[in-house]
Amino acid sequence: MSIQSLVDEVEIFKQEYEKFERGNKSAGTRARKSLQTIKKIAQDLRVEIQESKKTEAE
């Protein structure tokens, strides 16, 4: 995972949420899916950071 993938997914979420706010109900489903992906990417990055910290400490 990379920061760029997180940034890309946030941009996708932003676009879908804006569509949802204009009344496109199916965009709400895509926005929720995008948020779930953001959550997964963020968790993966947290794990990578923690592993890196542990490796440096050893």
PDB file of N, CA and C in Angstrom:
ATOM      1  N   MET A   1       0.835  -1.183   0.000  1.00  0.00           N
ATOM      2  CA  MET A   1       0.000   0.000   0.000  1.00  0.00           C
ATOM      3  C   MET A   1       0.881   1.247   0.000  1.00  0.00           C
ATOM      4  N   SER A   2       0.336   2.276  -0.559  1.00  0.00           N
ATOM      5  CA  SER A   2       1.087   3.525  -0.600  1.00  0.00           C
ATOM      6  C   SER A   2       0.163   4.697  -0.278  1.00  0.00           C
ATOM      7  N   ILE A   3       0.786   5.784   0.025  1.00  0.00           N
ATOM      8  CA  ILE A   3       0.032   7.003   0.311  1.00  0.00           C
ATOM      9  C   ILE A   3      -0.753   7.410  -0.938  1.00  0.00           C
ATOM     10  N   GLN A   4      -0.168   7.198  -2.111  1.00  0.00           N
ATOM     11  CA  GLN A   4      -0.846   7.591  -3.345  1.00  0.00           C
ATOM     12  C   GLN A   4      -2.155   6.831  -3.520  1.00  0.00           C
ATOM     13  N   SER A   5      -2.180   5.548  -3.161  1.00  0.00           N
ATOM     14  CA  SER A   5      -3.427   4.792  -3.284  1.00  0.00           C
ATOM     15  C   SER A   5      -4.491   5.358  -2.341  1.00  0.00           C
ATOM     16  N   LEU A   6      -4.068   5.821  -1.175  1.00  0.00           N
ATOM     17  CA  LEU A   6      -5.000   6.446  -0.241  1.00  0.00           C
ATOM     18  C   LEU A   6      -5.549   7.754  -0.814  1.00  0.00           C
ATOM     19  N   VAL A   7      -4.670   8.568  -1.352  1.00  0.00           N
ATOM     20  CA  VAL A   7      -5.075   9.843  -1.949  1.00  0.00           C
ATOM     21  C   VAL A   7      -6.029   9.606  -3.122  1.00  0.00           C
ATOM     22  N   ASP A   8      -5.717   8.627  -3.960  1.00  0.00           N
ATOM     23  CA  ASP A   8      -6.580   8.311  -5.103  1.00  0.00           C
ATOM     24  C   ASP A   8      -7.973   7.891  -4.643  1.00  0.00           C
ATOM     25  N   GLU A   9      -8.017   7.062  -3.619  1.00  0.00           N
ATOM     26  CA  GLU A   9      -9.311   6.574  -3.134  1.00  0.00           C
ATOM     27  C   GLU A   9     -10.120   7.697  -2.488  1.00  0.00           C
ATOM     28  N   VAL A  10      -9.461   8.613  -1.808  1.00  0.00           N
ATOM     29  CA  VAL A  10     -10.154   9.764  -1.229  1.00  0.00           C
ATOM     30  C   VAL A  10     -10.764  10.614  -2.347  1.00  0.00           C
ATOM     31  N   GLU A  11     -10.048  10.768  -3.438  1.00  0.00           N
ATOM     32  CA  GLU A  11     -10.570  11.532  -4.568  1.00  0.00           C
ATOM     33  C   GLU A  11     -11.801  10.846  -5.171  1.00  0.00           C
ATOM     34  N   ILE A  12     -11.760   9.526  -5.288  1.00  0.00           N
ATOM     35  CA  ILE A  12     -12.915   8.774  -5.780  1.00  0.00           C
ATOM     36  C   ILE A  12     -14.101   8.980  -4.837  1.00  0.00           C
ATOM     37  N   PHE A  13     -13.840   8.880  -3.534  1.00  0.00           N
ATOM     38  CA  PHE A  13     -14.913   9.098  -2.553  1.00  0.00           C
ATOM     39  C   PHE A  13     -15.521  10.487  -2.714  1.00  0.00           C
ATOM     40  N   LYS A  14     -14.669  11.488  -2.859  1.00  0.00           N
ATOM     41  CA  LYS A  14     -15.142  12.868  -2.981  1.00  0.00           C
ATOM     42  C   LYS A  14     -16.077  13.007  -4.188  1.00  0.00           C
ATOM     43  N   GLN A  15     -15.688  12.443  -5.315  1.00  0.00           N
ATOM     44  CA  GLN A  15     -16.504  12.538  -6.522  1.00  0.00           C
ATOM     45  C   GLN A  15     -17.855  11.844  -6.330  1.00  0.00           C
ATOM     46  N   GLU A  16     -17.822  10.644  -5.764  1.00  0.00           N
ATOM     47  CA  GLU A  16     -19.061   9.900  -5.570  1.00  0.00           C
ATOM     48  C   GLU A  16     -19.964  10.574  -4.541  1.00  0.00           C
ATOM     49  N   TYR A  17     -19.383  11.132  -3.493  1.00  0.00           N
ATOM     50  CA  TYR A  17     -20.187  11.799  -2.475  1.00  0.00           C
ATOM     51  C   TYR A  17     -20.858  13.042  -3.043  1.00  0.00           C
ATOM     52  N   GLU A  18     -20.138  13.769  -3.886  1.00  0.00           N
ATOM     53  CA  GLU A  18     -20.733  14.951  -4.518  1.00  0.00           C
ATOM     54  C   GLU A  18     -21.919  14.547  -5.396  1.00  0.00           C
ATOM     55  N   LYS A  19     -21.790  13.439  -6.108  1.00  0.00           N
ATOM     56  CA  LYS A  19     -22.903  12.935  -6.918  1.00  0.00           C
ATOM     57  C   LYS A  19     -24.083  12.561  -6.015  1.00  0.00           C
ATOM     58  N   PHE A  20     -23.770  11.927  -4.891  1.00  0.00           N
ATOM     59  CA  PHE A  20     -24.804  11.541  -3.932  1.00  0.00           C
ATOM     60  C   PHE A  20     -25.555  12.763  -3.411  1.00  0.00           C
ATOM     61  N   GLU A  21     -24.811  13.810  -3.080  1.00  0.00           N
ATOM     62  CA  GLU A  21     -25.438  15.029  -2.572  1.00  0.00           C
ATOM     63  C   GLU A  21     -26.367  15.672  -3.595  1.00  0.00           C
ATOM     64  N   ARG A  22     -26.113  15.452  -4.871  1.00  0.00           N
ATOM     65  CA  ARG A  22     -26.967  16.000  -5.929  1.00  0.00           C
ATOM     66  C   ARG A  22     -28.172  15.100  -6.200  1.00  0.00           C
ATOM     67  N   GLY A  23     -28.304  14.000  -5.454  1.00  0.00           N
ATOM     68  CA  GLY A  23     -29.488  13.170  -5.564  1.00  0.00           C
ATOM     69  C   GLY A  23     -29.280  11.806  -6.190  1.00  0.00           C
ATOM     70  N   ASN A  24     -28.069  11.467  -6.577  1.00  0.00           N
ATOM     71  CA  ASN A  24     -27.794  10.166  -7.180  1.00  0.00           C
ATOM     72  C   ASN A  24     -27.619   9.135  -6.064  1.00  0.00           C
ATOM     73  N   LYS A  25     -28.667   8.368  -5.804  1.00  0.00           N
ATOM     74  CA  LYS A  25     -28.646   7.423  -4.678  1.00  0.00           C
ATOM     75  C   LYS A  25     -27.621   6.302  -4.862  1.00  0.00           C
ATOM     76  N   SER A  26     -27.428   5.844  -6.086  1.00  0.00           N
ATOM     77  CA  SER A  26     -26.467   4.758  -6.294  1.00  0.00           C
ATOM     78  C   SER A  26     -25.031   5.234  -6.051  1.00  0.00           C
ATOM     79  N   ALA A  27     -24.783   6.534  -6.189  1.00  0.00           N
ATOM     80  CA  ALA A  27     -23.458   7.073  -5.876  1.00  0.00           C
ATOM     81  C   ALA A  27     -23.181   6.948  -4.383  1.00  0.00           C
ATOM     82  N   GLY A  28     -24.234   6.954  -3.567  1.00  0.00           N
ATOM     83  CA  GLY A  28     -24.057   6.764  -2.122  1.00  0.00           C
ATOM     84  C   GLY A  28     -23.481   5.397  -1.818  1.00  0.00           C
ATOM     85  N   THR A  29     -23.938   4.380  -2.549  1.00  0.00           N
ATOM     86  CA  THR A  29     -23.400   3.028  -2.368  1.00  0.00           C
ATOM     87  C   THR A  29     -21.925   2.997  -2.749  1.00  0.00           C
ATOM     88  N   ARG A  30     -21.594   3.631  -3.864  1.00  0.00           N
ATOM     89  CA  ARG A  30     -20.189   3.663  -4.291  1.00  0.00           C
ATOM     90  C   ARG A  30     -19.334   4.457  -3.304  1.00  0.00           C
ATOM     91  N   ALA A  31     -19.895   5.520  -2.734  1.00  0.00           N
ATOM     92  CA  ALA A  31     -19.159   6.317  -1.745  1.00  0.00           C
ATOM     93  C   ALA A  31     -18.875   5.483  -0.495  1.00  0.00           C
ATOM     94  N   ARG A  32     -19.871   4.708  -0.053  1.00  0.00           N
ATOM     95  CA  ARG A  32     -19.663   3.850   1.119  1.00  0.00           C
ATOM     96  C   ARG A  32     -18.603   2.787   0.832  1.00  0.00           C
ATOM     97  N   LYS A  33     -18.633   2.228  -0.355  1.00  0.00           N
ATOM     98  CA  LYS A  33     -17.627   1.229  -0.739  1.00  0.00           C
ATOM     99  C   LYS A  33     -16.239   1.862  -0.722  1.00  0.00           C
ATOM    100  N   SER A  34     -16.149   3.074  -1.232  1.00  0.00           N
ATOM    101  CA  SER A  34     -14.879   3.788  -1.251  1.00  0.00           C
ATOM    102  C   SER A  34     -14.378   4.052   0.170  1.00  0.00           C
ATOM    103  N   LEU A  35     -15.278   4.406   1.073  1.00  0.00           N
ATOM    104  CA  LEU A  35     -14.881   4.615   2.469  1.00  0.00           C
ATOM    105  C   LEU A  35     -14.347   3.334   3.090  1.00  0.00           C
ATOM    106  N   GLN A  36     -14.959   2.208   2.746  1.00  0.00           N
ATOM    107  CA  GLN A  36     -14.475   0.925   3.261  1.00  0.00           C
ATOM    108  C   GLN A  36     -13.065   0.638   2.741  1.00  0.00           C
ATOM    109  N   THR A  37     -12.820   0.962   1.478  1.00  0.00           N
ATOM    110  CA  THR A  37     -11.491   0.782   0.898  1.00  0.00           C
ATOM    111  C   THR A  37     -10.479   1.696   1.575  1.00  0.00           C
ATOM    112  N   ILE A  38     -10.885   2.940   1.853  1.00  0.00           N
ATOM    113  CA  ILE A  38     -10.004   3.881   2.551  1.00  0.00           C
ATOM    114  C   ILE A  38      -9.640   3.325   3.920  1.00  0.00           C
ATOM    115  N   LYS A  39     -10.622   2.763   4.608  1.00  0.00           N
ATOM    116  CA  LYS A  39     -10.377   2.170   5.922  1.00  0.00           C
ATOM    117  C   LYS A  39      -9.337   1.043   5.825  1.00  0.00           C
ATOM    118  N   LYS A  40      -9.462   0.191   4.820  1.00  0.00           N
ATOM    119  CA  LYS A  40      -8.530  -0.924   4.646  1.00  0.00           C
ATOM    120  C   LYS A  40      -7.121  -0.415   4.329  1.00  0.00           C
ATOM    121  N   ILE A  41      -7.025   0.549   3.423  1.00  0.00           N
ATOM    122  CA  ILE A  41      -5.711   1.105   3.073  1.00  0.00           C
ATOM    123  C   ILE A  41      -5.067   1.739   4.300  1.00  0.00           C
ATOM    124  N   ALA A  42      -5.853   2.499   5.064  1.00  0.00           N
ATOM    125  CA  ALA A  42      -5.320   3.154   6.268  1.00  0.00           C
ATOM    126  C   ALA A  42      -4.820   2.118   7.270  1.00  0.00           C
ATOM    127  N   GLN A  43      -5.564   1.041   7.453  1.00  0.00           N
ATOM    128  CA  GLN A  43      -5.141  -0.007   8.382  1.00  0.00           C
ATOM    129  C   GLN A  43      -3.854  -0.666   7.897  1.00  0.00           C
ATOM    130  N   ASP A  44      -3.769  -0.945   6.608  1.00  0.00           N
ATOM    131  CA  ASP A  44      -2.552  -1.540   6.059  1.00  0.00           C
ATOM    132  C   ASP A  44      -1.349  -0.632   6.260  1.00  0.00           C
ATOM    133  N   LEU A  45      -1.551   0.674   6.048  1.00  0.00           N
ATOM    134  CA  LEU A  45      -0.455   1.625   6.258  1.00  0.00           C
ATOM    135  C   LEU A  45      -0.050   1.680   7.731  1.00  0.00           C
ATOM    136  N   ARG A  46      -1.029   1.613   8.631  1.00  0.00           N
ATOM    137  CA  ARG A  46      -0.716   1.604  10.069  1.00  0.00           C
ATOM    138  C   ARG A  46       0.156   0.405  10.418  1.00  0.00           C
ATOM    139  N   VAL A  47      -0.187  -0.748   9.871  1.00  0.00           N
ATOM    140  CA  VAL A  47       0.583  -1.965  10.145  1.00  0.00           C
ATOM    141  C   VAL A  47       2.006  -1.826   9.590  1.00  0.00           C
ATOM    142  N   GLU A  48       2.129  -1.305   8.375  1.00  0.00           N
ATOM    143  CA  GLU A  48       3.460  -1.108   7.786  1.00  0.00           C
ATOM    144  C   GLU A  48       4.313  -0.180   8.642  1.00  0.00           C
ATOM    145  N   ILE A  49       3.708   0.901   9.123  1.00  0.00           N
ATOM    146  CA  ILE A  49       4.446   1.854   9.955  1.00  0.00           C
ATOM    147  C   ILE A  49       4.884   1.189  11.253  1.00  0.00           C
ATOM    148  N   GLN A  50       3.991   0.443  11.877  1.00  0.00           N
ATOM    149  CA  GLN A  50       4.324  -0.222  13.142  1.00  0.00           C
ATOM    150  C   GLN A  50       5.437  -1.247  12.943  1.00  0.00           C
ATOM    151  N   GLU A  51       5.365  -2.012  11.864  1.00  0.00           N
ATOM    152  CA  GLU A  51       6.414  -2.994  11.589  1.00  0.00           C
ATOM    153  C   GLU A  51       7.744  -2.318  11.345  1.00  0.00           C
ATOM    154  N   SER A  52       7.727  -1.190  10.662  1.00  0.00           N
ATOM    155  CA  SER A  52       8.945  -0.439  10.395  1.00  0.00           C
ATOM    156  C   SER A  52       9.555   0.071  11.705  1.00  0.00           C
ATOM    157  N   LYS A  53       8.694   0.549  12.604  1.00  0.00           N
ATOM    158  CA  LYS A  53       9.183   1.024  13.894  1.00  0.00           C
ATOM    159  C   LYS A  53       9.820  -0.120  14.689  1.00  0.00           C
ATOM    160  N   LYS A  54       9.191  -1.294  14.666  1.00  0.00           N
ATOM    161  CA  LYS A  54       9.734  -2.442  15.386  1.00  0.00           C
ATOM    162  C   LYS A  54      11.075  -2.861  14.818  1.00  0.00           C
ATOM    163  N   THR A  55      11.189  -2.844  13.498  1.00  0.00           N
ATOM    164  CA  THR A  55      12.442  -3.231  12.835  1.00  0.00           C
ATOM    165  C   THR A  55      13.562  -2.273  13.192  1.00  0.00           C
ATOM    166  N   GLU A  56      13.261  -0.984  13.227  1.00  0.00           N
ATOM    167  CA  GLU A  56      14.261   0.017  13.574  1.00  0.00           C
ATOM    168  C   GLU A  56      14.710  -0.121  15.017  1.00  0.00           C
ATOM    169  N   ALA A  57      13.815  -0.529  15.887  1.00  0.00           N
ATOM    170  CA  ALA A  57      14.134  -0.651  17.309  1.00  0.00           C
ATOM    171  C   ALA A  57      15.065  -1.830  17.587  1.00  0.00           C
ATOM    172  N   GLU A  58      15.059  -2.787  16.711  1.00  0.00           N
ATOM    173  CA  GLU A  58      15.878  -4.003  16.947  1.00  0.00           C
ATOM    174  C   GLU A  58      17.288  -3.845  16.530  1.00  0.00           C
TER     175      GLU A  58
END
